[in-house]
Amino acid sequence: MATFLFDDIVFGPVKSRRLGQSLGINLLPENAKVCNFNCVYCECGWTQASAGKLPTKQAIFARMKSGFQDCVDKNIEVDVITFAGNGEPTLHPDFSEIVDETIRLRNLILPQAKIAVLTNAGNLHKSAVRESLKKIDMAILKLDSAIESTVRTINQPAPGFRFETYIENIKNFPGRKIIQSMFLKYRKGDMFIDNASEQELEAWINALKNIQPELVMIYSVARDTPDAGVQAHDRKTLEQIAKRVQQTGFHVEIS
């Protein structure tokens, strides 16, 4: 199925289902997805074994400065500056410096905007990544399932991934914990996974109790996916999940 890549360091603002008017920041190549996960539902397609060069921090700083100022000059509303783009933003080797400069430029040019990072949480074992994510307004951490076999099937993490460590790192993240979960049905051959099944939801809610997030964001597939076996859940299912999350005592948003 058709997928797409972001072709600039700064893109938008776009109307985000989760964040409002979101000005995107892409720290990854414009010609390929670079990620330590390979999710079957990713709108950017499959993770590339080899890709183009990452943009330099100098290029990112210059493009952010001009992009932020352009929004001011054109009176364009920006609610959130969001690190997203073609893969996992925390993979950029200068991620920490980039976060610091983003905060500086935000304070100078777009002081009303919040800063968010959409991350699969696969790099939370790195102290520099954790410390940088603590500094921003919203570190939005992926948790699509609390069952290891499901995570390995639909998220397809890179070799070396340890599921128990992944969950513990999310639990122990010292900043604001916002969990983002994609609910879907996935069929491949004789295999079928529905991470909104009773078994899945019970495990996932137990994980939320362990993690104690400030907010849970739930959503389903809304764009083309690289794997044709992916199907979305409807709004009614998401509302039923949200009700269970609320009954457990957590704040929840449906995108």
Protein backbone atom coordinates (compact mmCIF):
# COMPACT_ATOMS: atom_id res chain seq x y z
CA MET A 1 0.00 0.00 0.00
CA ALA A 2 1.07 3.59 -0.58
CA THR A 3 3.11 5.23 2.16
CA PHE A 4 4.98 8.53 2.25
CA LEU A 5 8.10 10.24 3.56
CA PHE A 6 8.56 13.78 4.85
CA ASP A 7 10.76 15.68 2.40
CA ASP A 8 12.00 18.50 4.65
CA ILE A 9 13.48 19.01 8.10
CA VAL A 10 10.55 21.24 9.07
CA PHE A 11 7.06 20.46 7.80
CA GLY A 12 3.58 21.81 8.42
CA PRO A 13 2.00 22.96 10.59
CA VAL A 14 -0.47 20.14 10.11
CA LYS A 15 -3.63 19.40 12.05
CA SER A 16 -2.61 16.55 14.32
CA ARG A 17 -5.18 14.12 15.68
CA ARG A 18 -3.35 14.20 19.01
CA LEU A 19 -1.66 17.58 19.32
CA GLY A 20 -3.56 20.30 17.47
CA GLN A 21 -1.59 22.55 15.10
CA SER A 22 1.69 20.66 14.95
CA LEU A 23 4.88 21.94 13.35
CA GLY A 24 6.87 18.83 12.54
CA ILE A 25 10.62 18.30 12.86
CA ASN A 26 12.23 15.47 10.89
CA LEU A 27 15.77 14.59 12.06
CA LEU A 28 16.12 11.71 9.60
CA PRO A 29 16.90 11.38 5.88
CA GLU A 30 14.36 12.71 3.42
CA ASN A 31 14.66 9.65 1.16
CA ALA A 32 14.26 6.76 3.59
CA LYS A 33 12.84 5.72 6.95
CA VAL A 34 15.39 5.10 9.72
CA CYS A 35 14.07 3.38 12.82
CA ASN A 36 14.85 0.76 15.44
CA PHE A 37 11.28 -0.54 15.02
CA ASN A 38 9.66 -1.71 11.79
CA CYS A 39 5.96 -1.38 12.57
CA VAL A 40 3.54 -3.03 10.17
CA TYR A 41 1.30 0.06 10.28
CA CYS A 42 3.89 2.84 9.81
CA GLU A 43 2.79 5.55 7.38
CA CYS A 44 6.45 6.05 6.36
CA GLY A 45 6.76 2.48 5.10
CA TRP A 46 9.39 -0.09 5.97
CA THR A 47 12.63 0.64 7.80
CA GLN A 48 15.51 0.81 5.35
CA ALA A 49 18.62 -1.35 5.79
CA SER A 50 20.68 1.47 4.31
CA ALA A 51 19.62 5.06 3.88
CA GLY A 52 20.87 8.52 3.04
CA LYS A 53 22.80 10.74 5.40
CA LEU A 54 21.18 12.25 8.44
CA PRO A 55 20.87 16.04 8.29
CA THR A 56 23.59 17.79 10.27
CA LYS A 57 22.73 19.61 13.47
CA GLN A 58 23.79 22.88 11.79
CA ALA A 59 21.30 22.29 8.96
CA ILE A 60 18.60 21.40 11.47
CA PHE A 61 19.25 24.52 13.57
CA ALA A 62 19.13 26.79 10.52
CA ARG A 63 15.97 25.22 9.15
CA MET A 64 14.20 25.35 12.52
CA LYS A 65 15.07 29.02 12.98
CA SER A 66 13.73 29.95 9.54
CA GLY A 67 10.70 27.69 9.88
CA PHE A 68 9.73 29.06 13.29
CA GLN A 69 10.16 32.64 12.11
CA ASP A 70 8.13 31.95 8.98
CA CYS A 71 5.19 30.90 11.13
CA VAL A 72 5.44 34.15 13.08
CA ASP A 73 5.77 36.28 9.94
CA LYS A 74 2.72 34.61 8.34
CA ASN A 75 0.72 34.61 11.58
CA ILE A 76 0.41 30.82 11.47
CA GLU A 77 -0.75 29.22 14.71
CA VAL A 78 1.56 26.59 16.22
CA ASP A 79 0.36 24.61 19.24
CA VAL A 80 3.17 22.08 19.37
CA ILE A 81 6.63 21.62 17.83
CA THR A 82 6.72 17.88 17.26
CA PHE A 83 9.71 15.65 16.60
CA ALA A 84 8.31 12.97 14.31
CA GLY A 85 9.25 12.48 10.66
CA ASN A 86 10.80 9.49 8.92
CA GLY A 87 11.46 7.15 11.82
CA GLU A 88 12.73 7.37 15.39
CA PRO A 89 14.01 10.89 16.23
CA THR A 90 16.16 9.81 19.18
CA LEU A 91 18.42 7.90 16.78
CA HIS A 92 20.05 11.14 15.64
CA PRO A 93 23.51 11.24 17.28
CA ASP A 94 23.09 14.93 18.14
CA PHE A 95 19.59 14.51 19.59
CA SER A 96 20.50 16.08 22.94
CA GLU A 97 22.02 19.21 21.39
CA ILE A 98 19.08 19.47 19.01
CA VAL A 99 16.58 19.37 21.88
CA ASP A 100 18.49 22.10 23.73
CA GLU A 101 18.55 24.34 20.65
CA THR A 102 14.87 23.67 19.96
CA ILE A 103 14.01 24.83 23.47
CA ARG A 104 16.12 27.97 22.99
CA LEU A 105 14.53 28.80 19.62
CA ARG A 106 11.04 28.03 20.90
CA ASN A 107 11.50 30.38 23.84
CA LEU A 108 12.80 33.07 21.51
CA ILE A 109 10.42 32.78 18.55
CA LEU A 110 7.38 30.63 19.42
CA PRO A 111 7.09 30.91 23.22
CA GLN A 112 3.47 29.76 23.25
CA ALA A 113 4.27 26.40 21.61
CA LYS A 114 4.94 23.19 23.49
CA ILE A 115 7.60 20.69 22.41
CA ALA A 116 6.75 17.03 21.90
CA VAL A 117 8.71 13.97 20.82
CA LEU A 118 6.94 10.94 19.36
CA THR A 119 9.21 8.06 20.32
CA ASN A 120 8.94 4.30 20.31
CA ALA A 121 10.77 4.33 23.69
CA GLY A 122 13.36 1.92 22.35
CA ASN A 123 16.23 4.24 23.30
CA LEU A 124 15.22 5.00 26.88
CA HIS A 125 18.14 2.91 28.09
CA LYS A 126 20.42 5.75 26.94
CA SER A 127 20.90 8.32 29.69
CA ALA A 128 21.37 11.20 27.24
CA VAL A 129 18.04 10.41 25.57
CA ARG A 130 16.25 10.18 28.92
CA GLU A 131 17.69 13.48 30.13
CA SER A 132 16.72 15.25 26.91
CA LEU A 133 13.18 13.87 26.96
CA LYS A 134 12.81 15.12 30.55
CA LYS A 135 13.37 18.69 29.34
CA ILE A 136 10.49 18.84 26.88
CA ASP A 137 6.77 19.30 27.48
CA MET A 138 5.58 15.96 26.12
CA ALA A 139 7.56 12.74 25.72
CA ILE A 140 5.00 10.51 24.02
CA LEU A 141 6.06 6.88 24.49
CA LYS A 142 4.80 4.00 22.36
CA LEU A 143 3.25 0.95 24.00
CA ASP A 144 1.06 -0.93 21.53
CA SER A 145 0.93 -4.13 23.56
CA ALA A 146 2.14 -5.58 26.84
CA ILE A 147 2.50 -9.07 25.34
CA GLU A 148 5.98 -9.71 23.98
CA SER A 149 4.95 -11.84 21.00
CA THR A 150 2.56 -9.11 19.83
CA VAL A 151 5.20 -6.39 20.15
CA ARG A 152 7.66 -8.49 18.17
CA THR A 153 5.05 -9.12 15.47
CA ILE A 154 3.50 -5.69 14.95
CA ASN A 155 6.39 -3.43 16.04
CA GLN A 156 9.24 -5.68 14.82
CA PRO A 157 12.00 -4.16 16.98
CA ALA A 158 15.63 -4.37 15.91
CA PRO A 159 17.86 -7.26 17.04
CA GLY A 160 18.95 -6.94 20.66
CA PHE A 161 15.54 -5.72 21.82
CA ARG A 162 14.68 -6.92 25.33
CA PHE A 163 10.98 -6.74 26.09
CA GLU A 164 11.27 -6.72 29.90
CA THR A 165 13.85 -3.93 29.74
CA TYR A 166 11.63 -1.95 27.35
CA ILE A 167 8.72 -2.05 29.82
CA GLU A 168 10.95 -1.21 32.79
CA ASN A 169 12.51 1.73 30.96
CA ILE A 170 9.06 3.18 30.26
CA LYS A 171 8.03 2.62 33.88
CA ASN A 172 11.19 4.27 35.21
CA PHE A 173 11.25 7.22 32.80
CA PRO A 174 11.74 10.21 35.14
CA GLY A 175 9.78 12.79 33.12
CA ARG A 176 6.08 13.20 32.32
CA LYS A 177 4.87 9.82 31.08
CA ILE A 178 2.44 9.95 28.18
CA ILE A 179 1.63 6.57 26.63
CA GLN A 180 0.54 6.30 23.01
CA SER A 181 -1.06 3.04 21.86
CA MET A 182 -2.15 1.98 18.38
CA PHE A 183 -5.03 -0.51 18.28
CA LEU A 184 -5.40 -2.65 15.19
CA LYS A 185 -6.12 -6.06 13.73
CA TYR A 186 -3.37 -7.80 11.80
CA ARG A 187 -3.57 -10.89 9.65
CA LYS A 188 -0.67 -12.61 7.92
CA GLY A 189 -1.30 -16.08 6.54
CA ASP A 190 -2.83 -18.18 9.30
CA MET A 191 -1.77 -15.72 12.01
CA PHE A 192 -4.22 -13.18 13.39
CA ILE A 193 -3.54 -10.56 16.09
CA ASP A 194 -6.06 -8.17 17.61
CA ASN A 195 -4.45 -6.06 20.32
CA ALA A 196 -7.91 -4.97 21.46
CA SER A 197 -8.82 -8.53 22.48
CA GLU A 198 -9.62 -9.27 26.12
CA GLN A 199 -6.28 -10.98 26.74
CA GLU A 200 -4.39 -8.08 25.18
CA LEU A 201 -6.34 -5.40 27.02
CA GLU A 202 -5.94 -7.10 30.37
CA ALA A 203 -2.15 -7.28 29.93
CA TRP A 204 -1.97 -3.70 28.61
CA ILE A 205 -4.04 -2.23 31.43
CA ASN A 206 -1.94 -4.11 33.99
CA ALA A 207 1.13 -2.56 32.35
CA LEU A 208 -0.46 0.89 32.65
CA LYS A 209 -0.99 0.27 36.35
CA ASN A 210 2.68 -0.56 36.63
CA ILE A 211 3.83 2.42 34.54
CA GLN A 212 1.42 5.01 36.03
CA PRO A 213 1.25 7.39 33.05
CA GLU A 214 -0.05 10.93 33.30
CA LEU A 215 -2.03 10.46 30.08
CA VAL A 216 -2.89 7.62 27.68
CA MET A 217 -3.45 8.39 24.00
CA ILE A 218 -5.22 5.71 21.98
CA TYR A 219 -5.83 5.67 18.26
CA SER A 220 -6.14 3.37 15.26
CA VAL A 221 -4.99 3.26 11.67
CA ALA A 222 -6.04 6.29 9.61
CA ARG A 223 -3.53 6.21 6.73
CA ASP A 224 -2.07 3.70 4.29
CA THR A 225 0.18 1.05 5.79
CA PRO A 226 3.10 -0.89 4.30
CA ASP A 227 1.48 -4.24 5.15
CA ALA A 228 -1.90 -4.98 3.58
CA GLY A 229 -2.82 -7.24 6.50
CA VAL A 230 -3.40 -4.28 8.83
CA GLN A 231 -6.98 -3.26 9.63
CA ALA A 232 -8.24 -0.38 11.75
CA HIS A 233 -10.52 -0.54 14.76
CA ASP A 234 -13.62 1.63 14.68
CA ARG A 235 -14.44 4.52 16.98
CA LYS A 236 -16.80 2.42 19.09
CA THR A 237 -14.00 0.00 19.99
CA LEU A 238 -11.68 2.88 20.93
CA GLU A 239 -14.41 4.38 23.12
CA GLN A 240 -14.87 1.05 24.90
CA ILE A 241 -11.11 0.85 25.53
CA ALA A 242 -11.06 4.45 26.75
CA LYS A 243 -13.87 3.72 29.21
CA ARG A 244 -11.87 0.85 30.72
CA VAL A 245 -8.78 3.04 31.00
CA GLN A 246 -10.81 5.76 32.74
CA GLN A 247 -12.31 3.23 35.14
CA THR A 248 -8.77 2.23 36.05
CA GLY A 249 -8.08 5.84 37.02
CA PHE A 250 -6.07 7.18 34.10
CA HIS A 251 -6.75 10.12 31.82
CA VAL A 252 -7.26 9.03 28.21
CA GLU A 253 -7.63 10.74 24.84
CA ILE A 254 -8.94 9.17 21.64
CA SER A 255 -7.40 10.36 18.38
